[in-house]
Every structure is written in structure tokens, then in C-alpha cells.
PDB file of N, CA and C in Angstrom:
ATOM      1  N   UNK A   1       4.408   0.379  22.281  1.00  0.00           N
ATOM      2  CA  UNK A   1       5.198   1.659  23.268  1.00  0.00           C
ATOM      3  C   UNK A   1       6.234   1.424  23.268  1.00  0.00           C
ATOM      4  N   UNK A   2       6.997   2.728  23.283  1.00  0.00           N
ATOM      5  CA  UNK A   2       8.640   2.757  23.692  1.00  0.00           C
ATOM      6  C   UNK A   2       8.446   3.498  24.823  1.00  0.00           C
ATOM      7  N   UNK A   3       9.596   3.002  25.799  1.00  0.00           N
ATOM      8  CA  UNK A   3       9.540   3.806  26.908  1.00  0.00           C
ATOM      9  C   UNK A   3      10.769   4.450  26.608  1.00  0.00           C
ATOM     10  N   UNK A   4      10.673   5.736  27.800  1.00  0.00           N
ATOM     11  CA  UNK A   4      12.247   6.700  27.648  1.00  0.00           C
ATOM     12  C   UNK A   4      13.015   6.455  28.068  1.00  0.00           C
ATOM     13  N   UNK A   5      14.401   6.975  27.798  1.00  0.00           N
ATOM     14  CA  UNK A   5      15.631   6.400  28.649  1.00  0.00           C
ATOM     15  C   UNK A   5      15.916   6.195  30.114  1.00  0.00           C
ATOM     16  N   UNK A   6      14.884   7.525  30.618  1.00  0.00           N
ATOM     17  CA  UNK A   6      14.573   7.075  32.088  1.00  0.00           C
ATOM     18  C   UNK A   6      13.236   6.375  32.824  1.00  0.00           C
ATOM     19  N   UNK A   7      12.426   5.676  32.192  1.00  0.00           N
ATOM     20  CA  UNK A   7      11.684   5.507  32.323  1.00  0.00           C
ATOM     21  C   UNK A   7      11.670   3.581  32.668  1.00  0.00           C
ATOM     22  N   UNK A   8      12.865   3.509  33.295  1.00  0.00           N
ATOM     23  CA  UNK A   8      13.103   1.979  33.279  1.00  0.00           C
ATOM     24  C   UNK A   8      12.280   1.344  34.901  1.00  0.00           C
ATOM     25  N   UNK A   9      11.606   2.384  35.234  1.00  0.00           N
ATOM     26  CA  UNK A   9      11.113   1.903  36.722  1.00  0.00           C
ATOM     27  C   UNK A   9      10.028   1.403  35.762  1.00  0.00           C
ATOM     28  N   UNK A  10       9.416   1.934  34.754  1.00  0.00           N
ATOM     29  CA  UNK A  10       7.837   1.136  34.317  1.00  0.00           C
ATOM     30  C   UNK A  10       8.424   0.093  34.280  1.00  0.00           C
ATOM     31  N   UNK A  11       9.137  -0.368  33.538  1.00  0.00           N
ATOM     32  CA  UNK A  11       9.590  -1.265  32.890  1.00  0.00           C
ATOM     33  C   UNK A  11       9.325  -2.281  33.761  1.00  0.00           C
ATOM     34  N   UNK A  12      10.187  -1.918  34.639  1.00  0.00           N
ATOM     35  CA  UNK A  12      10.356  -3.213  35.960  1.00  0.00           C
ATOM     36  C   UNK A  12       8.782  -3.131  37.022  1.00  0.00           C
ATOM     37  N   UNK A  13       8.150  -2.489  36.566  1.00  0.00           N
ATOM     38  CA  UNK A  13       6.886  -2.439  37.579  1.00  0.00           C
ATOM     39  C   UNK A  13       5.825  -3.945  36.625  1.00  0.00           C
ATOM     40  N   UNK A  14       6.241  -4.211  35.230  1.00  0.00           N
ATOM     41  CA  UNK A  14       5.871  -5.032  34.523  1.00  0.00           C
ATOM     42  C   UNK A  14       6.853  -6.330  34.736  1.00  0.00           C
ATOM     43  N   UNK A  15       6.880  -6.475  35.256  1.00  0.00           N
ATOM     44  CA  UNK A  15       7.854  -7.990  35.592  1.00  0.00           C
ATOM     45  C   UNK A  15       7.149  -8.850  36.385  1.00  0.00           C
ATOM     46  N   UNK A  16       6.075  -7.983  36.495  1.00  0.00           N
ATOM     47  CA  UNK A  16       4.685  -8.701  37.666  1.00  0.00           C
ATOM     48  C   UNK A  16       3.655  -9.126  37.382  1.00  0.00           C
ATOM     49  N   UNK A  17       2.978  -9.975  37.754  1.00  0.00           N
ATOM     50  CA  UNK A  17       1.797  -9.620  37.158  1.00  0.00           C
ATOM     51  C   UNK A  17       1.060  -8.778  36.552  1.00  0.00           C
ATOM     52  N   UNK A  18      -0.077  -8.592  35.738  1.00  0.00           N
ATOM     53  CA  UNK A  18      -0.305  -6.537  35.623  1.00  0.00           C
ATOM     54  C   UNK A  18      -1.549  -6.987  36.561  1.00  0.00           C
ATOM     55  N   UNK A  19      -2.082  -5.712  37.094  1.00  0.00           N
ATOM     56  CA  UNK A  19      -3.191  -5.541  38.205  1.00  0.00           C
ATOM     57  C   UNK A  19      -3.575  -4.570  37.234  1.00  0.00           C
ATOM     58  N   UNK A  20      -4.567  -4.563  36.966  1.00  0.00           N
ATOM     59  CA  UNK A  20      -5.623  -3.048  36.497  1.00  0.00           C
ATOM     60  C   UNK A  20      -6.331  -2.717  37.445  1.00  0.00           C
ATOM     61  N   UNK A  21      -5.821  -1.756  38.069  1.00  0.00           N
ATOM     62  CA  UNK A  21      -7.259  -0.984  38.908  1.00  0.00           C
ATOM     63  C   UNK A  21      -8.059   0.318  38.453  1.00  0.00           C
ATOM     64  N   UNK A  22      -8.900   0.177  37.938  1.00  0.00           N
ATOM     65  CA  UNK A  22      -9.497   2.077  37.129  1.00  0.00           C
ATOM     66  C   UNK A  22      -8.723   1.752  35.706  1.00  0.00           C
ATOM     67  N   UNK A  23      -8.388   3.059  35.977  1.00  0.00           N
ATOM     68  CA  UNK A  23      -7.854   3.424  34.359  1.00  0.00           C
ATOM     69  C   UNK A  23      -6.280   3.039  35.074  1.00  0.00           C
ATOM     70  N   UNK A  24      -5.813   2.001  35.516  1.00  0.00           N
ATOM     71  CA  UNK A  24      -4.087   2.038  35.732  1.00  0.00           C
ATOM     72  C   UNK A  24      -3.612   0.940  35.617  1.00  0.00           C
ATOM     73  N   UNK A  25      -2.823   0.491  34.790  1.00  0.00           N
ATOM     74  CA  UNK A  25      -2.472  -0.920  35.007  1.00  0.00           C
ATOM     75  C   UNK A  25      -0.583  -1.182  35.732  1.00  0.00           C
ATOM     76  N   UNK A  26      -0.958  -1.880  36.393  1.00  0.00           N
ATOM     77  CA  UNK A  26       0.486  -2.059  38.001  1.00  0.00           C
ATOM     78  C   UNK A  26       0.781  -0.491  38.228  1.00  0.00           C
ATOM     79  N   UNK A  27       0.033   0.678  38.559  1.00  0.00           N
ATOM     80  CA  UNK A  27      -0.037   1.648  39.206  1.00  0.00           C
ATOM     81  C   UNK A  27       0.454   2.869  37.961  1.00  0.00           C
ATOM     82  N   UNK A  28       0.523   2.502  36.534  1.00  0.00           N
ATOM     83  CA  UNK A  28       0.353   3.372  35.815  1.00  0.00           C
ATOM     84  C   UNK A  28      -1.084   3.498  34.648  1.00  0.00           C
ATOM     85  N   UNK A  29      -1.258   5.125  34.579  1.00  0.00           N
ATOM     86  CA  UNK A  29      -2.447   5.605  33.739  1.00  0.00           C
ATOM     87  C   UNK A  29      -2.548   4.619  32.562  1.00  0.00           C
ATOM     88  N   UNK A  30      -3.365   4.632  31.631  1.00  0.00           N
ATOM     89  CA  UNK A  30      -3.950   4.420  29.898  1.00  0.00           C
ATOM     90  C   UNK A  30      -5.169   4.466  30.152  1.00  0.00           C
ATOM     91  N   UNK A  31      -4.987   4.852  28.780  1.00  0.00           N
ATOM     92  CA  UNK A  31      -6.817   4.830  27.637  1.00  0.00           C
ATOM     93  C   UNK A  31      -6.379   4.041  26.329  1.00  0.00           C
ATOM     94  N   UNK A  32      -8.060   4.136  26.372  1.00  0.00           N
ATOM     95  CA  UNK A  32      -7.817   2.965  25.359  1.00  0.00           C
ATOM     96  C   UNK A  32      -7.474   3.963  24.104  1.00  0.00           C
ATOM     97  N   UNK A  33      -6.892   2.493  23.433  1.00  0.00           N
ATOM     98  CA  UNK A  33      -6.269   2.791  22.350  1.00  0.00           C
ATOM     99  C   UNK A  33      -7.020   3.239  21.325  1.00  0.00           C
ATOM    100  N   UNK A  34      -6.876   4.380  20.345  1.00  0.00           N
ATOM    101  CA  UNK A  34      -8.140   4.449  19.216  1.00  0.00           C
ATOM    102  C   UNK A  34      -8.234   3.607  18.203  1.00  0.00           C
ATOM    103  N   UNK A  35      -7.434   2.580  17.845  1.00  0.00           N
ATOM    104  CA  UNK A  35      -8.398   1.650  17.217  1.00  0.00           C
ATOM    105  C   UNK A  35      -8.929   0.381  17.594  1.00  0.00           C
ATOM    106  N   UNK A  36      -8.322  -0.132  18.294  1.00  0.00           N
ATOM    107  CA  UNK A  36      -8.932  -1.571  19.128  1.00  0.00           C
ATOM    108  C   UNK A  36      -9.402  -1.132  20.600  1.00  0.00           C
ATOM    109  N   UNK A  37      -9.290  -0.036  21.587  1.00  0.00           N
ATOM    110  CA  UNK A  37      -9.662   0.622  22.662  1.00  0.00           C
ATOM    111  C   UNK A  37      -9.042  -0.628  23.402  1.00  0.00           C
ATOM    112  N   UNK A  38      -7.826  -0.959  23.353  1.00  0.00           N
ATOM    113  CA  UNK A  38      -6.762  -1.863  24.445  1.00  0.00           C
ATOM    114  C   UNK A  38      -6.195  -0.669  25.226  1.00  0.00           C
ATOM    115  N   UNK A  39      -5.649  -0.700  26.851  1.00  0.00           N
ATOM    116  CA  UNK A  39      -4.788  -0.211  27.130  1.00  0.00           C
ATOM    117  C   UNK A  39      -3.442   0.551  26.610  1.00  0.00           C
ATOM    118  N   UNK A  40      -3.643   1.633  26.685  1.00  0.00           N
ATOM    119  CA  UNK A  40      -2.244   2.446  25.795  1.00  0.00           C
ATOM    120  C   UNK A  40      -2.117   3.186  27.161  1.00  0.00           C
ATOM    121  N   UNK A  41      -0.795   2.716  27.921  1.00  0.00           N
ATOM    122  CA  UNK A  41      -0.387   3.678  28.722  1.00  0.00           C
ATOM    123  C   UNK A  41       0.089   5.165  28.316  1.00  0.00           C
ATOM    124  N   UNK A  42       0.015   6.053  29.314  1.00  0.00           N
ATOM    125  CA  UNK A  42      -0.216   7.337  29.038  1.00  0.00           C
ATOM    126  C   UNK A  42       1.280   7.998  29.160  1.00  0.00           C
ATOM    127  N   UNK A  43       2.171   7.189  30.021  1.00  0.00           N
ATOM    128  CA  UNK A  43       3.203   7.640  30.292  1.00  0.00           C
ATOM    129  C   UNK A  43       4.162   7.743  28.830  1.00  0.00           C
ATOM    130  N   UNK A  44       4.613   6.975  28.110  1.00  0.00           N
ATOM    131  CA  UNK A  44       5.496   6.494  26.888  1.00  0.00           C
ATOM    132  C   UNK A  44       5.839   7.924  26.183  1.00  0.00           C
ATOM    133  N   UNK A  45       6.527   8.014  25.519  1.00  0.00           N
ATOM    134  CA  UNK A  45       6.477   8.836  24.608  1.00  0.00           C
ATOM    135  C   UNK A  45       6.245   8.878  23.499  1.00  0.00           C
ATOM    136  N   UNK A  46       6.455   7.272  23.025  1.00  0.00           N
ATOM    137  CA  UNK A  46       5.820   6.266  21.559  1.00  0.00           C
ATOM    138  C   UNK A  46       4.920   5.582  21.977  1.00  0.00           C
ATOM    139  N   UNK A  47       4.005   5.218  20.496  1.00  0.00           N
ATOM    140  CA  UNK A  47       2.972   4.575  21.289  1.00  0.00           C
ATOM    141  C   UNK A  47       2.720   3.847  19.701  1.00  0.00           C
ATOM    142  N   UNK A  48       2.029   2.752  19.659  1.00  0.00           N
ATOM    143  CA  UNK A  48       1.525   2.210  18.243  1.00  0.00           C
ATOM    144  C   UNK A  48       0.657   1.078  18.771  1.00  0.00           C
ATOM    145  N   UNK A  49       0.042   0.872  17.588  1.00  0.00           N
ATOM    146  CA  UNK A  49      -1.054  -0.397  17.512  1.00  0.00           C
ATOM    147  C   UNK A  49      -0.946  -0.872  16.236  1.00  0.00           C
ATOM    148  N   UNK A  50      -1.168  -2.342  16.517  1.00  0.00           N
ATOM    149  CA  UNK A  50      -0.798  -3.389  15.477  1.00  0.00           C
ATOM    150  C   UNK A  50      -1.767  -4.252  15.099  1.00  0.00           C
ATOM    151  N   UNK A  51      -1.910  -4.580  13.934  1.00  0.00           N
ATOM    152  CA  UNK A  51      -2.835  -5.936  13.581  1.00  0.00           C
ATOM    153  C   UNK A  51      -2.465  -7.012  13.423  1.00  0.00           C
ATOM    154  N   UNK A  52      -2.170  -8.280  14.382  1.00  0.00           N
ATOM    155  CA  UNK A  52      -1.872  -9.087  13.286  1.00  0.00           C
ATOM    156  C   UNK A  52      -1.494  -9.725  12.315  1.00  0.00           C
ATOM    157  N   UNK A  53      -0.891 -10.231  11.603  1.00  0.00           N
ATOM    158  CA  UNK A  53      -1.354 -10.831  10.117  1.00  0.00           C
ATOM    159  C   UNK A  53      -0.576 -12.273  10.066  1.00  0.00           C
ATOM    160  N   UNK A  54       0.481 -12.537  10.278  1.00  0.00           N
ATOM    161  CA  UNK A  54       0.788 -13.435  10.757  1.00  0.00           C
ATOM    162  C   UNK A  54       1.766 -14.470  11.911  1.00  0.00           C
ATOM    163  N   UNK A  55       1.175 -15.480  12.160  1.00  0.00           N
ATOM    164  CA  UNK A  55       1.782 -16.245  13.169  1.00  0.00           C
ATOM    165  C   UNK A  55       2.785 -17.117  13.269  1.00  0.00           C
ATOM    166  N   UNK A  56       4.042 -16.925  13.360  1.00  0.00           N
ATOM    167  CA  UNK A  56       5.039 -18.549  12.401  1.00  0.00           C
ATOM    168  C   UNK A  56       5.150 -19.074  14.231  1.00  0.00           C
ATOM    169  N   UNK A  57       4.652 -20.490  14.392  1.00  0.00           N
ATOM    170  CA  UNK A  57       5.589 -21.052  15.433  1.00  0.00           C
ATOM    171  C   UNK A  57       6.961 -21.206  15.411  1.00  0.00           C
ATOM    172  N   UNK A  58       7.856 -21.318  15.747  1.00  0.00           N
ATOM    173  CA  UNK A  58       9.044 -21.802  15.773  1.00  0.00           C
ATOM    174  C   UNK A  58       9.918 -22.161  17.243  1.00  0.00           C
ATOM    175  N   UNK A  59       9.512 -23.494  17.695  1.00  0.00           N
ATOM    176  CA  UNK A  59      10.078 -24.241  19.028  1.00  0.00           C
ATOM    177  C   UNK A  59       8.761 -23.381  19.974  1.00  0.00           C
ATOM    178  N   UNK A  60       9.763 -22.861  21.325  1.00  0.00           N
ATOM    179  CA  UNK A  60       9.238 -22.278  22.582  1.00  0.00           C
ATOM    180  C   UNK A  60       8.906 -20.785  21.950  1.00  0.00           C
ATOM    181  N   UNK A  61       9.085 -20.428  21.139  1.00  0.00           N
ATOM    182  CA  UNK A  61       8.652 -18.893  20.578  1.00  0.00           C
ATOM    183  C   UNK A  61       7.906 -18.972  19.048  1.00  0.00           C
ATOM    184  N   UNK A  62       7.165 -17.523  18.587  1.00  0.00           N
ATOM    185  CA  UNK A  62       6.679 -18.263  17.421  1.00  0.00           C
ATOM    186  C   UNK A  62       6.864 -16.259  17.408  1.00  0.00           C
ATOM    187  N   UNK A  63       7.366 -16.014  15.600  1.00  0.00           N
ATOM    188  CA  UNK A  63       7.144 -14.992  15.014  1.00  0.00           C
ATOM    189  C   UNK A  63       5.858 -13.934  14.371  1.00  0.00           C
ATOM    190  N   UNK A  64       5.647 -13.270  15.084  1.00  0.00           N
ATOM    191  CA  UNK A  64       4.697 -12.577  14.739  1.00  0.00           C
ATOM    192  C   UNK A  64       4.965 -11.377  14.279  1.00  0.00           C
ATOM    193  N   UNK A  65       4.321 -11.468  12.403  1.00  0.00           N
ATOM    194  CA  UNK A  65       4.080 -10.419  11.767  1.00  0.00           C
ATOM    195  C   UNK A  65       3.018  -9.517  11.755  1.00  0.00           C
ATOM    196  N   UNK A  66       2.842  -7.924  12.358  1.00  0.00           N
ATOM    197  CA  UNK A  66       2.382  -7.956  12.114  1.00  0.00           C
ATOM    198  C   UNK A  66       2.046  -6.152  11.432  1.00  0.00           C
ATOM    199  N   UNK A  67       0.758  -5.428  11.042  1.00  0.00           N
ATOM    200  CA  UNK A  67       0.703  -4.154  10.426  1.00  0.00           C
ATOM    201  C   UNK A  67       0.477  -3.416  11.232  1.00  0.00           C
ATOM    202  N   UNK A  68       1.515  -2.023  10.932  1.00  0.00           N
ATOM    203  CA  UNK A  68       1.309  -0.792  12.573  1.00  0.00           C
ATOM    204  C   UNK A  68      -0.023  -0.578  11.695  1.00  0.00           C
ATOM    205  N   UNK A  69      -1.000  -0.078  12.471  1.00  0.00           N
ATOM    206  CA  UNK A  69      -2.227   0.804  12.009  1.00  0.00           C
ATOM    207  C   UNK A  69      -2.603   1.823  12.787  1.00  0.00           C
ATOM    208  N   UNK A  70      -1.972   2.183  13.472  1.00  0.00           N
ATOM    209  CA  UNK A  70      -2.220   3.632  14.523  1.00  0.00           C
ATOM    210  C   UNK A  70      -0.816   3.858  14.954  1.00  0.00           C
ATOM    211  N   UNK A  71       0.178   4.803  14.990  1.00  0.00           N
ATOM    212  CA  UNK A  71       1.144   5.319  16.151  1.00  0.00           C
ATOM    213  C   UNK A  71       1.256   6.827  16.353  1.00  0.00           C
ATOM    214  N   UNK A  72       1.461   7.208  17.641  1.00  0.00           N
ATOM    215  CA  UNK A  72       1.958   8.447  17.676  1.00  0.00           C
ATOM    216  C   UNK A  72       3.525   8.735  18.573  1.00  0.00           C
ATOM    217  N   UNK A  73       3.149  10.349  18.346  1.00  0.00           N
ATOM    218  CA  UNK A  73       4.370  10.441  19.454  1.00  0.00           C
ATOM    219  C   UNK A  73       3.706  11.441  20.717  1.00  0.00           C
ATOM    220  N   UNK A  74       4.069  11.472  22.106  1.00  0.00           N
ATOM    221  CA  UNK A  74       3.842  12.093  22.903  1.00  0.00           C
ATOM    222  C   UNK A  74       4.857  13.105  22.841  1.00  0.00           C
ATOM    223  N   UNK A  75       5.763  12.863  23.331  1.00  0.00           N
ATOM    224  CA  UNK A  75       7.385  13.803  22.965  1.00  0.00           C
ATOM    225  C   UNK A  75       8.311  13.057  22.837  1.00  0.00           C
ATOM    226  N   UNK A  76       9.701  13.828  22.109  1.00  0.00           N
ATOM    227  CA  UNK A  76      10.778  13.542  21.431  1.00  0.00           C
ATOM    228  C   UNK A  76      11.238  13.175  23.022  1.00  0.00           C
ATOM    229  N   UNK A  77      12.512  12.200  22.930  1.00  0.00           N
ATOM    230  CA  UNK A  77      12.443  10.992  23.689  1.00  0.00           C
ATOM    231  C   UNK A  77      14.154  10.022  23.313  1.00  0.00           C
ATOM    232  N   UNK A  78      14.880   9.683  24.033  1.00  0.00           N
ATOM    233  CA  UNK A  78      15.923   9.034  23.677  1.00  0.00           C
ATOM    234  C   UNK A  78      15.286   7.544  23.945  1.00  0.00           C
ATOM    235  N   UNK A  79      15.110   6.622  23.467  1.00  0.00           N
ATOM    236  CA  UNK A  79      14.613   5.029  23.935  1.00  0.00           C
ATOM    237  C   UNK A  79      15.210   4.487  25.059  1.00  0.00           C
ATOM    238  N   UNK A  80      14.919   3.578  25.539  1.00  0.00           N
ATOM    239  CA  UNK A  80      15.223   2.705  26.793  1.00  0.00           C
ATOM    240  C   UNK A  80      15.694   1.304  25.681  1.00  0.00           C
ATOM    241  N   UNK A  81      16.565   1.652  26.088  1.00  0.00           N
ATOM    242  CA  UNK A  81      17.132   0.532  24.810  1.00  0.00           C
ATOM    243  C   UNK A  81      18.344  -0.735  25.918  1.00  0.00           C
ATOM    244  N   UNK A  82      17.997  -2.090  25.905  1.00  0.00           N
ATOM    245  CA  UNK A  82      18.444  -3.098  26.722  1.00  0.00           C
ATOM    246  C   UNK A  82      19.773  -3.162  27.494  1.00  0.00           C
ATOM    247  N   UNK A  83      20.637  -2.544  26.416  1.00  0.00           N
ATOM    248  CA  UNK A  83      22.200  -2.313  27.374  1.00  0.00           C
ATOM    249  C   UNK A  83      22.494  -1.397  27.940  1.00  0.00           C
ATOM    250  N   UNK A  84      21.508  -0.644  27.827  1.00  0.00           N
ATOM    251  CA  UNK A  84      21.110   0.919  28.965  1.00  0.00           C
ATOM    252  C   UNK A  84      20.973   0.455  30.370  1.00  0.00           C
ATOM    253  N   UNK A  85      20.191  -1.117  30.637  1.00  0.00           N
ATOM    254  CA  UNK A  85      19.098  -1.243  31.474  1.00  0.00           C
ATOM    255  C   UNK A  85      19.993  -2.036  32.349  1.00  0.00           C
ATOM    256  N   UNK A  86      21.076  -2.901  31.692  1.00  0.00           N
ATOM    257  CA  UNK A  86      21.987  -4.113  33.262  1.00  0.00           C
ATOM    258  C   UNK A  86      21.148  -5.252  33.046  1.00  0.00           C
ATOM    259  N   UNK A  87      20.234  -5.130  32.666  1.00  0.00           N
ATOM    260  CA  UNK A  87      19.748  -6.429  32.523  1.00  0.00           C
ATOM    261  C   UNK A  87      20.253  -7.017  31.199  1.00  0.00           C
ATOM    262  N   UNK A  88      19.990  -8.599  30.981  1.00  0.00           N
ATOM    263  CA  UNK A  88      20.385  -9.535  29.886  1.00  0.00           C
ATOM    264  C   UNK A  88      19.085 -10.326  29.514  1.00  0.00           C
ATOM    265  N   UNK A  89      18.543 -10.647  28.454  1.00  0.00           N
ATOM    266  CA  UNK A  89      17.774 -11.447  27.555  1.00  0.00           C
ATOM    267  C   UNK A  89      18.146 -13.092  27.493  1.00  0.00           C
ATOM    268  N   UNK A  90      17.820 -14.226  28.396  1.00  0.00           N
ATOM    269  CA  UNK A  90      18.417 -15.530  28.067  1.00  0.00           C
ATOM    270  C   UNK A  90      17.957 -16.399  26.978  1.00  0.00           C
ATOM    271  N   UNK A  91      16.450 -15.638  25.839  1.00  0.00           N
ATOM    272  CA  UNK A  91      15.462 -15.932  25.206  1.00  0.00           C
ATOM    273  C   UNK A  91      14.787 -17.221  25.751  1.00  0.00           C
TER     274      UNK A  91
END
């Protein structure tokens, strides 16, 4: 899923442990994804499902190679990118 530039608050809601309440995750609505039936948030403009093909361990991280099996566009929107958030990832 890709959040829109104005959806920073959704990202912030997932900085804490995820809580499922009926059809919501951390207060955000979701539906089952078409291929695997996993929770798919309905607010982001872009989404995808991918199937893991390879997992390469590397220190305290892993590299995941996956094949996109389904994708969709709900609306056209400029994506939220890290440098627009004021957040920094230390790895």
C-alpha cells in the first residue's frame, strides 16, 4: 500500500502495536485482500499484494524478493515519501 501525501497520520497510527477491532486496524477500515484474504486498508490510494519468492538474511535485516500478484488504484494521489514527513530512519 502507498499512503497519499496527506495521510501521514495513518502512518503514525501504526507506530504503535496493531489492534484489530472488527473491520478496523488501529482505527482504520480494512477489507480482505483479493488473493490472500489479508487485511487491506481502504484509505490509501494505491495497494498491492505480493507473494514472497526469496528471503535473504543479512545481519539484523533480511532482503525479501516478492512477486506482485495483485494491485489496484483507488484514486490518483501524490505519494507520502519519507523526506516530506520530517522522520528519519536509522536502519
